C-alpha atoms as a PDB file:
ATOM      1  CA  MET A   1       0.040  -0.015   0.059  1.00  0.00           C
ATOM      2  CA  LEU A   2       1.133   3.502  -0.954  1.00  0.00           C
ATOM      3  CA  PRO A   3      -1.665   5.824   0.668  1.00  0.00           C
ATOM      4  CA  SER A   4       0.446   8.997   0.365  1.00  0.00           C
ATOM      5  CA  TYR A   5      -0.433  12.578  -0.395  1.00  0.00           C
ATOM      6  CA  SER A   6       2.958  13.521  -1.830  1.00  0.00           C
ATOM      7  CA  GLU A   7       5.348  10.636  -2.444  1.00  0.00           C
ATOM      8  CA  ASN A   8       6.342   9.616  -5.937  1.00  0.00           C
ATOM      9  CA  PHE A   9       5.787   6.455  -7.173  1.00  0.00           C
ATOM     10  CA  GLY A  10       8.046   4.377  -4.824  1.00  0.00           C
ATOM     11  CA  LEU A  11      10.110   1.272  -6.203  1.00  0.00           C
ATOM     12  CA  THR A  12       8.194  -0.917  -3.378  1.00  0.00           C
ATOM     13  CA  ILE A  13       5.331  -0.722  -5.481  1.00  0.00           C
ATOM     14  CA  PHE A  14       7.126  -2.036  -8.666  1.00  0.00           C
ATOM     15  CA  GLU A  15       8.584  -4.766  -6.313  1.00  0.00           C
ATOM     16  CA  ALA A  16       5.093  -5.913  -5.275  1.00  0.00           C
ATOM     17  CA  MET A  17       3.711  -5.882  -8.590  1.00  0.00           C
ATOM     18  CA  SER A  18       6.728  -8.021 -10.022  1.00  0.00           C
ATOM     19  CA  GLN A  19       6.136 -10.380  -7.275  1.00  0.00           C
ATOM     20  CA  LYS A  20       2.310 -10.714  -8.159  1.00  0.00           C
ATOM     21  CA  VAL A  21       1.367  -9.002  -4.903  1.00  0.00           C
ATOM     22  CA  PRO A  22      -2.040  -6.875  -5.231  1.00  0.00           C
ATOM     23  CA  VAL A  23      -1.048  -3.153  -4.817  1.00  0.00           C
ATOM     24  CA  ILE A  24      -3.309  -0.342  -3.447  1.00  0.00           C
ATOM     25  CA  VAL A  25      -1.996   3.260  -4.090  1.00  0.00           C
ATOM     26  CA  SER A  26      -3.624   6.667  -3.364  1.00  0.00           C
ATOM     27  CA  ASP A  27      -4.875   8.971  -6.099  1.00  0.00           C
ATOM     28  CA  GLN A  28      -2.059  11.438  -5.198  1.00  0.00           C
ATOM     29  CA  ILE A  29       0.979   9.569  -6.496  1.00  0.00           C
ATOM     30  CA  ASP A  30       2.697  10.591  -9.687  1.00  0.00           C
ATOM     31  CA  MET A  31       1.910   7.398 -11.767  1.00  0.00           C
ATOM     32  CA  VAL A  32      -1.761   7.361 -10.798  1.00  0.00           C
ATOM     33  CA  ASP A  33      -3.034   7.970 -14.439  1.00  0.00           C
ATOM     34  CA  GLU A  34      -0.863   5.388 -15.874  1.00  0.00           C
ATOM     35  CA  ILE A  35      -1.925   2.834 -13.215  1.00  0.00           C
ATOM     36  CA  LYS A  36      -5.729   3.673 -13.750  1.00  0.00           C
ATOM     37  CA  LYS A  37      -5.235   3.275 -17.470  1.00  0.00           C
ATOM     38  CA  ASN A  38      -3.600  -0.107 -16.983  1.00  0.00           C
ATOM     39  CA  ASN A  39      -5.825  -1.215 -14.132  1.00  0.00           C
ATOM     40  CA  SER A  40      -2.789  -2.323 -12.516  1.00  0.00           C
ATOM     41  CA  ALA A  41      -3.728  -1.421  -8.781  1.00  0.00           C
ATOM     42  CA  ILE A  42      -6.599  -0.492  -6.716  1.00  0.00           C
ATOM     43  CA  VAL A  43      -6.574   3.389  -6.584  1.00  0.00           C
ATOM     44  CA  CYS A  44      -7.963   5.081  -3.388  1.00  0.00           C
ATOM     45  CA  LYS A  45      -8.348   8.373  -2.004  1.00  0.00           C
ATOM     46  CA  CYS A  46      -6.297   9.498   0.955  1.00  0.00           C
ATOM     47  CA  ASN A  47      -8.853   8.841   3.714  1.00  0.00           C
ATOM     48  CA  ILE A  48      -9.502   5.932   5.993  1.00  0.00           C
ATOM     49  CA  ASN A  49     -12.738   4.979   4.567  1.00  0.00           C
ATOM     50  CA  SER A  50     -11.459   4.733   0.881  1.00  0.00           C
ATOM     51  CA  LEU A  51      -8.367   2.986   2.151  1.00  0.00           C
ATOM     52  CA  TYR A  52     -10.590   0.393   4.113  1.00  0.00           C
ATOM     53  CA  LYS A  53     -12.830  -0.430   1.092  1.00  0.00           C
ATOM     54  CA  SER A  54      -9.774  -0.885  -1.118  1.00  0.00           C
ATOM     55  CA  ILE A  55      -8.217  -3.423   1.347  1.00  0.00           C
ATOM     56  CA  GLU A  56     -11.661  -5.094   1.729  1.00  0.00           C
ATOM     57  CA  LEU A  57     -12.071  -5.270  -2.121  1.00  0.00           C
ATOM     58  CA  VAL A  58      -8.739  -7.108  -2.313  1.00  0.00           C
ATOM     59  CA  LEU A  59      -9.588  -9.570   0.310  1.00  0.00           C
ATOM     60  CA  LYS A  60     -13.090 -10.300  -0.620  1.00  0.00           C
ATOM     61  CA  ASN A  61     -13.200 -10.054  -4.438  1.00  0.00           C
ATOM     62  CA  LYS A  62     -10.764 -12.802  -5.847  1.00  0.00           C
ATOM     63  CA  LYS A  63     -11.803 -12.105  -9.429  1.00  0.00           C
ATOM     64  CA  LYS A  64     -10.825  -8.478  -9.184  1.00  0.00           C
ATOM     65  CA  LYS A  65      -7.735  -9.300  -7.194  1.00  0.00           C
ATOM     66  CA  LYS A  66      -6.549 -11.854  -9.783  1.00  0.00           C
ATOM     67  CA  GLN A  67      -7.197  -9.306 -12.689  1.00  0.00           C
ATOM     68  CA  ILE A  68      -5.148  -6.574 -11.071  1.00  0.00           C
ATOM     69  CA  ILE A  69      -2.250  -8.865 -10.279  1.00  0.00           C
ATOM     70  CA  LYS A  70      -2.221 -10.031 -13.827  1.00  0.00           C
ATOM     71  CA  ASN A  71      -2.337  -6.487 -15.196  1.00  0.00           C
ATOM     72  CA  ALA A  72       0.259  -5.227 -12.811  1.00  0.00           C
ATOM     73  CA  PHE A  73       2.753  -7.908 -13.695  1.00  0.00           C
ATOM     74  CA  LYS A  74       2.418  -6.768 -17.314  1.00  0.00           C
ATOM     75  CA  PHE A  75       2.709  -3.329 -16.313  1.00  0.00           C
ATOM     76  CA  VAL A  76       5.740  -3.454 -14.275  1.00  0.00           C
ATOM     77  CA  ASN A  77       7.579  -5.646 -16.921  1.00  0.00           C
ATOM     78  CA  ARG A  78       7.379  -2.758 -19.257  1.00  0.00           C
ATOM     79  CA  PHE A  79      10.099  -1.195 -16.911  1.00  0.00           C
ATOM     80  CA  LYS A  80      12.563  -4.025 -16.827  1.00  0.00           C
ATOM     81  CA  SER A  81      16.191  -2.807 -17.617  1.00  0.00           C
ATOM     82  CA  SER A  82      16.201  -4.693 -20.986  1.00  0.00           C
ATOM     83  CA  GLU A  83      12.892  -2.972 -22.095  1.00  0.00           C
ATOM     84  CA  VAL A  84      13.917   0.580 -20.980  1.00  0.00           C
ATOM     85  CA  GLU A  85      17.259  -0.010 -22.861  1.00  0.00           C
ATOM     86  CA  LYS A  86      15.466  -0.804 -25.980  1.00  0.00           C
ATOM     87  CA  GLU A  87      13.190   2.257 -25.751  1.00  0.00           C
ATOM     88  CA  MET A  88      16.202   4.457 -24.949  1.00  0.00           C
ATOM     89  CA  ARG A  89      18.251   3.269 -27.937  1.00  0.00           C
ATOM     90  CA  LEU A  90      15.200   3.933 -30.217  1.00  0.00           C
ATOM     91  CA  ASN A  91      14.627   7.463 -28.816  1.00  0.00           C
ATOM     92  CA  TYR A  92      18.481   8.248 -29.274  1.00  0.00           C
ATOM     93  CA  LYS A  93      18.390   7.080 -32.833  1.00  0.00           C
ATOM     94  CA  LYS A  94      15.312   9.259 -33.445  1.00  0.00           C
ATOM     95  CA  LEU A  95      17.071  12.389 -31.984  1.00  0.00           C
ATOM     96  CA  LEU A  96      20.171  11.704 -33.974  1.00  0.00           C
ATOM     97  CA  GLN A  97      18.239  11.265 -37.159  1.00  0.00           C
ATOM     98  CA  LYS A  98      16.660  14.611 -36.588  1.00  0.00           C
ATOM     99  CA  LYS A  99      19.821  16.283 -35.869  1.00  0.00           C
ATOM    100  CA  LEU A 100      21.554  14.820 -39.025  1.00  0.00           C
ATOM    101  CA  ASN A 101      18.638  16.034 -41.180  1.00  0.00           C
END
């Protein structure tokens, strides 16, 4: 859980996703839009009722929990070093092409 008002997206969230642990984050973290788009975590408001309902959802709704774990595992694998390296190389090539033209 990352029920934070101001923290960025912590590495612990990536670690949990990579280990197929369901994740709950607040709607205040930096990557909340990306998380919502990929349905890769339960997103809650920064209040006790929302957090409680999110925990309850993960514990009681096995189908939702399974889907979030599956989506999160796919989501986090986009950030593996090998994938990031490929993307960086591609972007550098694009930049060099623009500069040469």
